[in-house]
Amino acid sequence: MLAAMPDSAPSPLSAGGTSPRDGGDACPGTLRLHRADDGALARVRIPGGVLSADRADALLAVAGRFGDGELHLTSRGNVQLRGLDAGCGGGPAELLGAAGLLPSAAHERARNIVASPLAGLDGSPPVGGWLSELDSLVCGSAAAAALSGRFLFALDSGRGDVDALGADVTLIAEGGDCLLRVGAADEVFRLPSADGPRAALLAAELFLRAARDSGAWRVKDLPDDVRTALVRTVGATAGPVVHRPRPRTAGAPAPGPVTAPDSSTPATTIVTAISVGVPLGRLAPAQWRLLTETARRYGNELRLTPWRGIVIPGPFGPPGPSTQPAQSGQPAQSGQSGRAAEALDALAAAGLITGPDSPWTGVGACIGHPGCAKSLSDVRAEAGAAVGPVGRLPVYWSGCERRCGHPHGEWIDVVVTPEGHRISHVRGEHRDPRTVVRNDPAALASAVSRARA
């Protein structure tokens, strides 16, 4: 059980703590826009990536009324709206607030929570209860309003997918308990599942105290001795220590149907959801509308993933008679549910990734030029021109050294530099020797393909 855990002070919509570091935290939100070369940018936090169809409609309405109409998925399962008129004022926030997407103005940039997108759908336990409670606790904590837009919570169903993303505070489901990880520490703390959200909030509040002198935005930015002391302090209020190294590779949901054992007949499987990828995380209005209509027809929910994909929970019914039993969470190979097949066919026709053989599988890029003034190239166009056979490793194209939105784990890093496109193989903190390709699109595409093989 948690020991001596203080209650958090409540916070009304427009109140909350003010961080002395606010002037330096440039992360955009819904109330604080970022000026980009293609207009103002708003980042709408979607805790756990979970949206109802009605809230998805509201996002599309804001994008169409105030922005360029498109919706951009981020590496934290949030949504960015681009091309906003600098004079739009509080219009976007007013519409988003009316839809329930802005429950606390003071905390709008602190609601950074990723969650396992297949939780409760692939045989792993659901984390929706944690998600609702943690979001409520964060919005009710005056101290949590001082968390930077970079600070990240993760709720892992036990698959290790979001545990691998390097969050600042992570809850991991394990049986009837949960494990609490602070930063990248190999030691986690076991505590009852019901205590998890409050323990996660306490860890974040303790981080803020620990960061006062250094001004760190995230746990990894703390001086080593301060970070060690923070983990020790959190442990003193939590439970027994368990050695559990953080996974190094984050596994995105495979595109296609998602299956799980039927609770009434465990020997059979049912299609519980469908999973699609979004090329470069960019959704046109018609694509977003189709996804929303599909969700409304079935489970009335969309789950935006940290890999710029979308999971739509069903139920979609049992697989067809020719389907062989599939591993939980993996696509059925044949005879899939007729409803799932119909939905996936429509989404594929709209340009979304619905199977592992799409050449866009594993391809990502920052916004690039002309949207970003710091980008040295139109990396999205270059990524599209270099698309080829599906690679073993994901690839991410960056227009500058900042590498905004890059993946975690093992991946191929393509960065535009004044000398050319620099290609390297990243394995966690390790980076293989780099190759530079200069002004030769064919050679660049070939080099990227070889690196991904």
Protein backbone atom coordinates (compact mmCIF):
# COMPACT_ATOMS: atom_id res chain seq x y z
CA MET A 1 0.00 0.00 0.00
CA LEU A 2 1.04 3.60 -0.44
CA ALA A 3 2.42 5.15 2.68
CA ALA A 4 1.69 8.71 3.81
CA MET A 5 0.47 9.80 0.40
CA PRO A 6 -0.82 13.39 0.51
CA ASP A 7 -4.02 14.38 -1.23
CA SER A 8 -3.61 16.74 -4.18
CA ALA A 9 -5.24 20.14 -4.01
CA PRO A 10 -8.20 20.59 -6.37
CA SER A 11 -7.86 22.95 -9.29
CA PRO A 12 -10.70 24.69 -11.15
CA LEU A 13 -10.64 25.11 -14.93
CA SER A 14 -8.78 28.38 -15.05
CA ALA A 15 -6.60 28.04 -11.97
CA GLY A 16 -3.54 26.04 -11.03
CA GLY A 17 0.12 26.40 -10.25
CA THR A 18 2.40 28.44 -12.46
CA SER A 19 5.81 27.08 -13.26
CA PRO A 20 8.73 29.49 -12.88
CA ARG A 21 10.09 27.77 -16.01
CA ASP A 22 7.01 28.51 -18.13
CA GLY A 23 8.85 31.13 -20.16
CA GLY A 24 11.30 28.51 -21.36
CA ASP A 25 8.90 25.67 -22.13
CA ALA A 26 8.16 26.18 -25.81
CA CYS A 27 5.99 23.07 -26.23
CA PRO A 28 2.79 24.20 -27.95
CA GLY A 29 -0.68 23.46 -26.68
CA THR A 30 -4.21 24.53 -27.41
CA LEU A 31 -3.90 27.82 -25.55
CA ARG A 32 -0.27 28.52 -26.39
CA LEU A 33 0.23 28.23 -30.14
CA HIS A 34 3.52 27.79 -31.94
CA ARG A 35 4.29 29.99 -34.93
CA ALA A 36 5.47 27.89 -37.86
CA ASP A 37 6.17 28.82 -41.46
CA ASP A 38 2.79 27.41 -42.55
CA GLY A 39 0.84 29.28 -39.87
CA ALA A 40 0.21 28.79 -36.18
CA LEU A 41 0.26 25.27 -34.73
CA ALA A 42 -1.87 23.86 -31.90
CA ARG A 43 -1.12 20.58 -30.16
CA VAL A 44 -4.19 18.98 -28.62
CA ARG A 45 -3.43 16.50 -25.84
CA ILE A 46 -5.45 13.30 -26.13
CA PRO A 47 -4.67 11.29 -22.96
CA GLY A 48 -4.08 7.67 -23.91
CA GLY A 49 -4.94 8.62 -27.49
CA VAL A 50 -8.56 7.76 -26.70
CA LEU A 51 -11.24 9.69 -28.59
CA SER A 52 -14.98 9.25 -28.89
CA ALA A 53 -16.44 9.74 -32.35
CA ASP A 54 -18.05 13.01 -31.24
CA ARG A 55 -14.73 14.39 -30.02
CA ALA A 56 -13.08 13.30 -33.25
CA ASP A 57 -15.76 15.32 -35.08
CA ALA A 58 -14.90 18.34 -32.94
CA LEU A 59 -11.22 18.10 -33.86
CA LEU A 60 -12.08 17.97 -37.54
CA ALA A 61 -14.37 20.97 -37.17
CA VAL A 62 -11.61 23.03 -35.53
CA ALA A 63 -9.08 21.98 -38.19
CA GLY A 64 -11.49 22.96 -40.95
CA ARG A 65 -12.69 26.22 -39.46
CA PHE A 66 -9.38 27.62 -38.22
CA GLY A 67 -6.59 25.59 -39.88
CA ASP A 68 -5.61 23.84 -43.09
CA GLY A 69 -8.21 21.09 -42.53
CA GLU A 70 -5.71 18.29 -41.95
CA LEU A 71 -4.97 16.47 -38.70
CA HIS A 72 -1.44 15.39 -37.83
CA LEU A 73 -0.76 12.55 -35.39
CA THR A 74 2.22 12.88 -33.06
CA SER A 75 4.62 10.37 -31.50
CA ARG A 76 2.66 10.66 -28.24
CA GLY A 77 -0.76 9.89 -29.70
CA ASN A 78 -1.80 13.54 -29.71
CA VAL A 79 -3.14 15.66 -32.57
CA GLN A 80 -1.58 18.73 -34.13
CA LEU A 81 -3.61 21.28 -36.05
CA ARG A 82 -1.54 23.31 -38.52
CA GLY A 83 -2.04 26.37 -40.64
CA LEU A 84 -4.05 28.19 -37.99
CA ASP A 85 -4.69 31.87 -38.56
CA ALA A 86 -2.66 33.88 -36.06
CA GLY A 87 -5.81 35.89 -35.38
CA CYS A 88 -7.97 32.89 -34.48
CA GLY A 89 -7.87 33.94 -30.84
CA GLY A 90 -9.62 31.64 -28.40
CA GLY A 91 -11.88 30.11 -31.03
CA PRO A 92 -10.16 26.68 -31.20
CA ALA A 93 -9.95 26.39 -27.41
CA GLU A 94 -13.62 27.34 -27.05
CA LEU A 95 -14.77 24.60 -29.44
CA LEU A 96 -12.40 22.01 -27.99
CA GLY A 97 -13.47 22.90 -24.47
CA ALA A 98 -17.13 22.48 -25.39
CA ALA A 99 -16.31 18.99 -26.68
CA GLY A 100 -14.61 18.02 -23.40
CA LEU A 101 -11.10 18.09 -24.87
CA LEU A 102 -9.89 20.86 -22.57
CA PRO A 103 -11.02 19.95 -19.03
CA SER A 104 -8.44 22.18 -17.33
CA ALA A 105 -6.84 25.18 -18.98
CA ALA A 106 -4.10 25.19 -16.36
CA HIS A 107 -3.12 21.59 -17.16
CA GLU A 108 -3.67 21.42 -20.90
CA ARG A 109 0.03 20.85 -21.69
CA ALA A 110 0.57 18.55 -18.68
CA ARG A 111 -1.93 15.89 -19.83
CA ASN A 112 0.74 13.89 -21.68
CA ILE A 113 -0.30 10.26 -21.20
CA VAL A 114 0.39 7.40 -23.60
CA ALA A 115 -1.31 4.03 -23.14
CA SER A 116 -0.98 0.59 -24.72
CA PRO A 117 -3.38 0.93 -27.68
CA LEU A 118 -4.35 -2.76 -27.68
CA ALA A 119 -5.03 -2.92 -23.93
CA GLY A 120 -8.15 -4.99 -23.31
CA LEU A 121 -8.34 -5.94 -26.99
CA ASP A 122 -5.55 -8.52 -27.44
CA GLY A 123 -5.93 -10.50 -24.24
CA SER A 124 -3.95 -8.00 -22.17
CA PRO A 125 -5.74 -6.20 -19.32
CA PRO A 126 -7.51 -2.89 -19.99
CA VAL A 127 -5.94 0.32 -18.68
CA GLY A 128 -8.93 2.61 -19.23
CA GLY A 129 -9.60 2.87 -15.51
CA TRP A 130 -6.04 3.99 -14.84
CA LEU A 131 -6.25 6.46 -17.70
CA SER A 132 -9.42 8.15 -16.50
CA GLU A 133 -8.23 8.34 -12.91
CA LEU A 134 -4.74 9.60 -13.71
CA ASP A 135 -6.04 12.29 -16.05
CA SER A 136 -8.48 13.42 -13.38
CA LEU A 137 -5.76 13.44 -10.72
CA VAL A 138 -3.39 15.44 -12.92
CA CYS A 139 -6.10 18.01 -13.65
CA GLY A 140 -6.89 18.18 -9.93
CA SER A 141 -3.33 18.79 -8.80
CA ALA A 142 -2.22 22.41 -8.53
CA ALA A 143 1.39 21.22 -8.52
CA ALA A 144 0.99 19.17 -11.69
CA ALA A 145 0.14 22.31 -13.65
CA ALA A 146 3.86 23.10 -13.46
CA LEU A 147 4.84 19.95 -15.40
CA SER A 148 6.39 20.83 -18.72
CA GLY A 149 4.85 19.89 -22.04
CA ARG A 150 7.70 17.40 -22.40
CA PHE A 151 6.94 15.36 -19.26
CA LEU A 152 5.32 12.01 -20.11
CA PHE A 153 3.25 9.38 -18.29
CA ALA A 154 2.86 5.88 -19.77
CA LEU A 155 0.28 3.19 -18.96
CA ASP A 156 1.46 -0.22 -20.16
CA SER A 157 -0.86 -3.23 -20.30
CA GLY A 158 2.09 -5.59 -19.78
CA ARG A 159 3.03 -5.82 -23.47
CA GLY A 160 6.04 -3.55 -22.93
CA ASP A 161 5.06 -1.39 -25.91
CA VAL A 162 4.72 2.00 -24.23
CA ASP A 163 7.10 1.05 -21.40
CA ALA A 164 9.78 1.18 -24.11
CA LEU A 165 8.99 4.79 -25.02
CA GLY A 166 11.10 6.31 -22.26
CA ALA A 167 8.35 8.00 -20.26
CA ASP A 168 9.09 9.85 -17.05
CA VAL A 169 6.57 7.85 -14.99
CA THR A 170 5.27 4.46 -16.15
CA LEU A 171 2.65 2.10 -14.75
CA ILE A 172 2.86 -1.53 -15.92
CA ALA A 173 0.04 -4.01 -15.39
CA GLU A 174 1.08 -7.32 -13.86
CA GLY A 175 -1.61 -9.63 -12.56
CA GLY A 176 -3.66 -7.84 -9.93
CA ASP A 177 -0.79 -5.49 -9.20
CA CYS A 178 1.08 -2.82 -11.07
CA LEU A 179 4.71 -1.85 -11.36
CA LEU A 180 5.80 1.77 -11.08
CA ARG A 181 8.86 2.92 -13.02
CA VAL A 182 10.48 6.33 -12.64
CA GLY A 183 12.46 7.39 -15.69
CA ALA A 184 14.56 4.63 -17.22
CA ALA A 185 15.45 2.95 -13.91
CA ASP A 186 15.76 -0.85 -14.02
CA GLU A 187 14.19 -1.03 -10.57
CA VAL A 188 10.41 -0.76 -10.40
CA PHE A 189 8.08 -0.77 -7.41
CA ARG A 190 5.22 -3.21 -7.00
CA LEU A 191 1.95 -1.94 -5.56
CA PRO A 192 -1.76 -2.74 -5.77
CA SER A 193 -3.25 -1.86 -9.13
CA ALA A 194 -5.80 0.47 -7.53
CA ASP A 195 -2.99 2.59 -6.09
CA GLY A 196 -1.22 3.03 -9.40
CA PRO A 197 -2.63 6.36 -10.68
CA ARG A 198 -2.15 8.16 -7.39
CA ALA A 199 1.38 6.77 -7.10
CA ALA A 200 2.13 8.01 -10.61
CA LEU A 201 0.90 11.51 -9.74
CA LEU A 202 2.94 11.55 -6.53
CA ALA A 203 6.05 10.55 -8.47
CA ALA A 204 5.48 13.48 -10.85
CA GLU A 205 4.98 15.91 -7.97
CA LEU A 206 8.14 14.64 -6.28
CA PHE A 207 9.98 15.15 -9.57
CA LEU A 208 8.93 18.80 -9.60
CA ARG A 209 10.44 19.29 -6.15
CA ALA A 210 13.62 17.51 -7.21
CA ALA A 211 13.90 19.66 -10.34
CA ARG A 212 13.68 23.04 -8.60
CA ASP A 213 17.42 23.68 -8.54
CA SER A 214 18.33 22.21 -11.92
CA GLY A 215 15.28 23.40 -13.88
CA ALA A 216 15.05 19.96 -15.52
CA TRP A 217 12.02 19.34 -17.71
CA ARG A 218 12.18 15.54 -17.54
CA VAL A 219 13.52 12.85 -15.18
CA LYS A 220 16.39 12.01 -17.56
CA ASP A 221 17.53 15.66 -17.40
CA LEU A 222 18.11 15.57 -13.64
CA PRO A 223 21.69 15.34 -12.34
CA ASP A 224 22.55 11.70 -11.64
CA ASP A 225 22.59 12.06 -7.87
CA VAL A 226 19.27 13.94 -7.84
CA ARG A 227 17.66 11.35 -10.09
CA THR A 228 18.86 8.52 -7.85
CA ALA A 229 17.49 10.32 -4.79
CA LEU A 230 14.16 10.85 -6.55
CA VAL A 231 13.78 7.14 -7.30
CA ARG A 232 14.63 6.35 -3.69
CA THR A 233 12.06 8.85 -2.40
CA VAL A 234 9.33 7.48 -4.65
CA GLY A 235 10.19 3.96 -3.51
CA ALA A 236 9.79 4.94 0.13
CA THR A 237 6.08 5.68 -0.50
CA ALA A 238 5.44 2.74 -2.83
CA GLY A 239 6.06 -0.98 -2.46
CA PRO A 240 8.71 -3.70 -2.86
CA VAL A 241 11.48 -3.25 -5.41
CA VAL A 242 11.45 -5.50 -8.49
CA HIS A 243 14.29 -5.67 -11.02
CA ARG A 244 12.68 -5.11 -14.43
CA PRO A 245 14.86 -3.52 -17.13
CA ARG A 246 12.94 -1.27 -19.50
CA PRO A 247 12.26 -2.83 -22.93
CA ARG A 248 14.50 -1.40 -25.63
CA THR A 249 12.17 -1.81 -28.59
CA ALA A 250 8.67 -0.37 -28.79
CA GLY A 251 6.32 -2.57 -30.80
CA ALA A 252 3.59 -0.82 -32.76
CA PRO A 253 0.30 -2.65 -33.36
CA ALA A 254 0.42 -4.54 -36.65
CA PRO A 255 -1.98 -3.14 -39.24
CA GLY A 256 -5.04 -5.31 -39.90
CA PRO A 257 -7.55 -7.14 -37.68
CA VAL A 258 -6.77 -7.57 -33.98
CA THR A 259 -7.82 -10.87 -32.43
CA ALA A 260 -8.24 -12.20 -28.92
CA PRO A 261 -9.68 -15.33 -27.29
CA ASP A 262 -13.46 -15.26 -27.03
CA SER A 263 -14.29 -14.88 -23.34
CA SER A 264 -17.29 -17.22 -23.70
CA THR A 265 -15.38 -19.82 -25.75
CA PRO A 266 -11.66 -19.42 -25.02
CA ALA A 267 -10.67 -21.98 -27.65
CA THR A 268 -11.90 -19.66 -30.40
CA THR A 269 -10.84 -16.16 -31.37
CA ILE A 270 -12.81 -13.06 -32.25
CA VAL A 271 -11.84 -9.89 -34.07
CA THR A 272 -11.87 -7.26 -31.33
CA ALA A 273 -10.54 -4.28 -33.28
CA ILE A 274 -8.90 -3.11 -36.48
CA SER A 275 -5.57 -1.33 -36.66
CA VAL A 276 -4.41 1.02 -39.39
CA GLY A 277 -1.28 3.04 -40.03
CA VAL A 278 -1.32 6.62 -41.27
CA PRO A 279 1.33 7.51 -43.87
CA LEU A 280 3.55 10.13 -42.26
CA GLY A 281 0.85 10.66 -39.60
CA ARG A 282 -1.03 13.06 -41.87
CA LEU A 283 -4.81 12.72 -42.29
CA ALA A 284 -6.89 14.55 -44.86
CA PRO A 285 -10.44 15.54 -43.84
CA ALA A 286 -12.02 12.69 -45.84
CA GLN A 287 -9.74 10.10 -44.19
CA TRP A 288 -10.46 11.41 -40.69
CA ARG A 289 -14.18 11.47 -41.44
CA LEU A 290 -14.09 7.86 -42.65
CA LEU A 291 -12.21 6.73 -39.55
CA THR A 292 -14.71 8.54 -37.34
CA GLU A 293 -17.70 7.06 -39.15
CA THR A 294 -16.17 3.59 -38.87
CA ALA A 295 -15.67 4.04 -35.13
CA ARG A 296 -19.22 5.29 -34.68
CA ARG A 297 -20.54 2.22 -36.49
CA TYR A 298 -18.79 -0.20 -34.12
CA GLY A 299 -17.28 0.65 -30.72
CA ASN A 300 -17.62 4.48 -30.92
CA GLU A 301 -13.95 4.88 -30.02
CA LEU A 302 -10.66 5.66 -31.74
CA ARG A 303 -7.28 5.06 -30.14
CA LEU A 304 -4.47 7.17 -31.57
CA THR A 305 -1.16 5.36 -31.15
CA PRO A 306 2.33 6.72 -30.43
CA TRP A 307 3.34 5.18 -33.79
CA ARG A 308 1.03 7.48 -35.73
CA GLY A 309 -1.61 4.83 -36.26
CA ILE A 310 -5.21 4.36 -35.17
CA VAL A 311 -6.93 1.39 -33.50
CA ILE A 312 -10.71 1.16 -33.78
CA PRO A 313 -12.21 -1.20 -31.17
CA GLY A 314 -15.15 -3.37 -32.23
CA PRO A 315 -16.71 -5.77 -31.67
CA PHE A 316 -16.33 -6.95 -35.26
CA GLY A 317 -17.42 -10.56 -34.71
CA PRO A 318 -15.72 -13.94 -35.08
CA PRO A 319 -13.15 -14.65 -37.79
CA GLY A 320 -14.41 -16.58 -40.80
CA PRO A 321 -14.24 -20.39 -40.89
CA SER A 322 -11.00 -20.49 -42.91
CA THR A 323 -9.02 -18.44 -40.41
CA GLN A 324 -6.33 -20.32 -38.52
CA PRO A 325 -5.99 -19.50 -34.82
CA ALA A 326 -3.89 -16.34 -34.50
CA GLN A 327 -1.77 -15.13 -31.64
CA SER A 328 -3.59 -12.58 -29.54
CA GLY A 329 -3.12 -9.11 -30.90
CA GLN A 330 -1.93 -10.29 -34.33
CA PRO A 331 -3.80 -9.91 -37.61
CA ALA A 332 -5.89 -12.84 -38.79
CA GLN A 333 -4.42 -14.15 -42.04
CA SER A 334 -7.53 -15.22 -43.89
CA GLY A 335 -11.29 -15.49 -43.50
CA GLN A 336 -11.26 -12.49 -41.21
CA SER A 337 -14.53 -11.10 -39.87
CA GLY A 338 -16.63 -9.86 -42.77
CA ARG A 339 -17.28 -6.57 -41.00
CA ALA A 340 -13.57 -6.08 -40.24
CA ALA A 341 -12.65 -6.92 -43.83
CA GLU A 342 -15.21 -4.49 -45.17
CA ALA A 343 -13.97 -1.71 -42.90
CA LEU A 344 -10.32 -2.38 -43.73
CA ASP A 345 -11.03 -2.45 -47.46
CA ALA A 346 -12.67 0.98 -47.25
CA LEU A 347 -9.80 2.39 -45.20
CA ALA A 348 -7.21 0.95 -47.59
CA ALA A 349 -9.04 2.56 -50.52
CA ALA A 350 -8.75 5.86 -48.65
CA GLY A 351 -4.96 5.53 -48.55
CA LEU A 352 -4.41 4.14 -45.05
CA ILE A 353 -2.07 1.27 -44.14
CA THR A 354 -4.13 -1.85 -43.47
CA GLY A 355 -1.57 -4.63 -43.86
CA PRO A 356 2.13 -5.30 -43.24
CA ASP A 357 2.94 -5.32 -46.96
CA SER A 358 2.30 -1.59 -47.48
CA PRO A 359 5.47 0.22 -48.62
CA TRP A 360 4.60 2.96 -46.12
CA THR A 361 4.89 0.59 -43.17
CA GLY A 362 7.53 1.89 -40.77
CA VAL A 363 8.16 5.15 -42.67
CA GLY A 364 8.02 8.39 -40.70
CA ALA A 365 9.14 12.00 -41.08
CA CYS A 366 8.99 15.35 -39.34
CA ILE A 367 6.91 18.12 -40.91
CA GLY A 368 9.93 19.38 -42.86
CA HIS A 369 10.06 22.28 -45.28
CA PRO A 370 8.05 24.42 -45.96
CA GLY A 371 6.16 23.97 -42.68
CA CYS A 372 9.23 24.33 -40.47
CA ALA A 373 11.77 27.11 -40.89
CA LYS A 374 14.55 25.01 -39.35
CA SER A 375 14.16 22.18 -41.86
CA LEU A 376 16.73 22.05 -44.65
CA SER A 377 14.53 20.05 -47.00
CA ASP A 378 11.04 18.79 -47.80
CA VAL A 379 11.67 15.47 -46.07
CA ARG A 380 8.11 14.23 -46.48
CA ALA A 381 8.39 14.46 -50.25
CA GLU A 382 11.80 12.81 -50.08
CA ALA A 383 10.47 10.00 -47.88
CA GLY A 384 7.66 9.42 -50.36
CA ALA A 385 10.07 9.37 -53.31
CA ALA A 386 12.25 6.81 -51.50
CA VAL A 387 9.41 4.47 -50.51
CA GLY A 388 10.14 0.92 -51.67
CA PRO A 389 9.97 -2.63 -50.38
CA VAL A 390 8.97 -3.01 -46.74
CA GLY A 391 12.06 -2.85 -44.55
CA ARG A 392 12.89 -4.81 -41.43
CA LEU A 393 13.54 -1.58 -39.53
CA PRO A 394 11.51 1.62 -39.35
CA VAL A 395 13.01 4.74 -40.90
CA TYR A 396 12.55 8.33 -39.80
CA TRP A 397 13.42 11.36 -41.92
CA SER A 398 14.36 14.61 -40.16
CA GLY A 399 14.91 17.99 -41.77
CA CYS A 400 17.40 19.08 -39.11
CA GLU A 401 19.39 17.78 -36.14
CA ARG A 402 16.48 18.22 -33.72
CA ARG A 403 14.77 15.07 -35.11
CA CYS A 404 11.34 16.14 -33.84
CA GLY A 405 9.05 13.14 -33.26
CA HIS A 406 11.66 10.45 -33.88
CA PRO A 407 10.91 6.86 -32.78
CA HIS A 408 12.52 4.92 -29.94
CA GLY A 409 14.41 1.65 -29.86
CA GLU A 410 16.02 0.45 -33.09
CA TRP A 411 15.52 2.47 -36.26
CA ILE A 412 17.18 4.06 -39.29
CA ASP A 413 17.88 7.75 -38.85
CA VAL A 414 17.95 9.97 -41.96
CA VAL A 415 18.91 13.57 -41.22
CA VAL A 416 19.34 16.39 -43.70
CA THR A 417 22.58 18.32 -43.16
CA PRO A 418 24.36 20.97 -45.25
CA GLU A 419 26.67 18.17 -46.46
CA GLY A 420 23.83 15.89 -47.57
CA HIS A 421 21.52 13.21 -46.11
CA ARG A 422 23.18 11.44 -43.20
CA ILE A 423 22.00 7.86 -42.63
CA SER A 424 22.72 5.91 -39.44
CA HIS A 425 21.44 2.83 -37.62
CA VAL A 426 20.22 3.65 -34.09
CA ARG A 427 19.97 1.04 -31.34
CA GLY A 428 18.78 2.82 -28.22
CA GLU A 429 21.70 5.02 -27.16
CA HIS A 430 24.08 3.43 -29.67
CA ARG A 431 24.53 4.76 -33.20
CA ASP A 432 26.41 2.91 -35.95
CA PRO A 433 28.86 4.71 -38.27
CA ARG A 434 27.09 7.12 -40.58
CA THR A 435 26.75 7.25 -44.35
CA VAL A 436 26.28 10.55 -46.18
CA VAL A 437 24.51 10.72 -49.55
CA ARG A 438 24.84 13.98 -51.51
CA ASN A 439 22.21 15.29 -53.94
CA ASP A 440 21.34 11.98 -55.59
CA PRO A 441 17.71 10.84 -55.01
CA ALA A 442 18.26 7.39 -56.54
CA ALA A 443 21.36 6.76 -54.45
CA LEU A 444 19.55 8.04 -51.36
CA ALA A 445 16.59 5.69 -51.87
CA SER A 446 18.96 2.76 -52.41
CA ALA A 447 21.03 3.58 -49.31
CA VAL A 448 17.90 3.85 -47.13
CA SER A 449 16.54 0.56 -48.47
CA ARG A 450 19.84 -1.22 -47.72
CA ALA A 451 19.94 0.25 -44.20
CA ARG A 452 16.40 -0.98 -43.45
CA ALA A 453 16.95 -4.50 -44.78
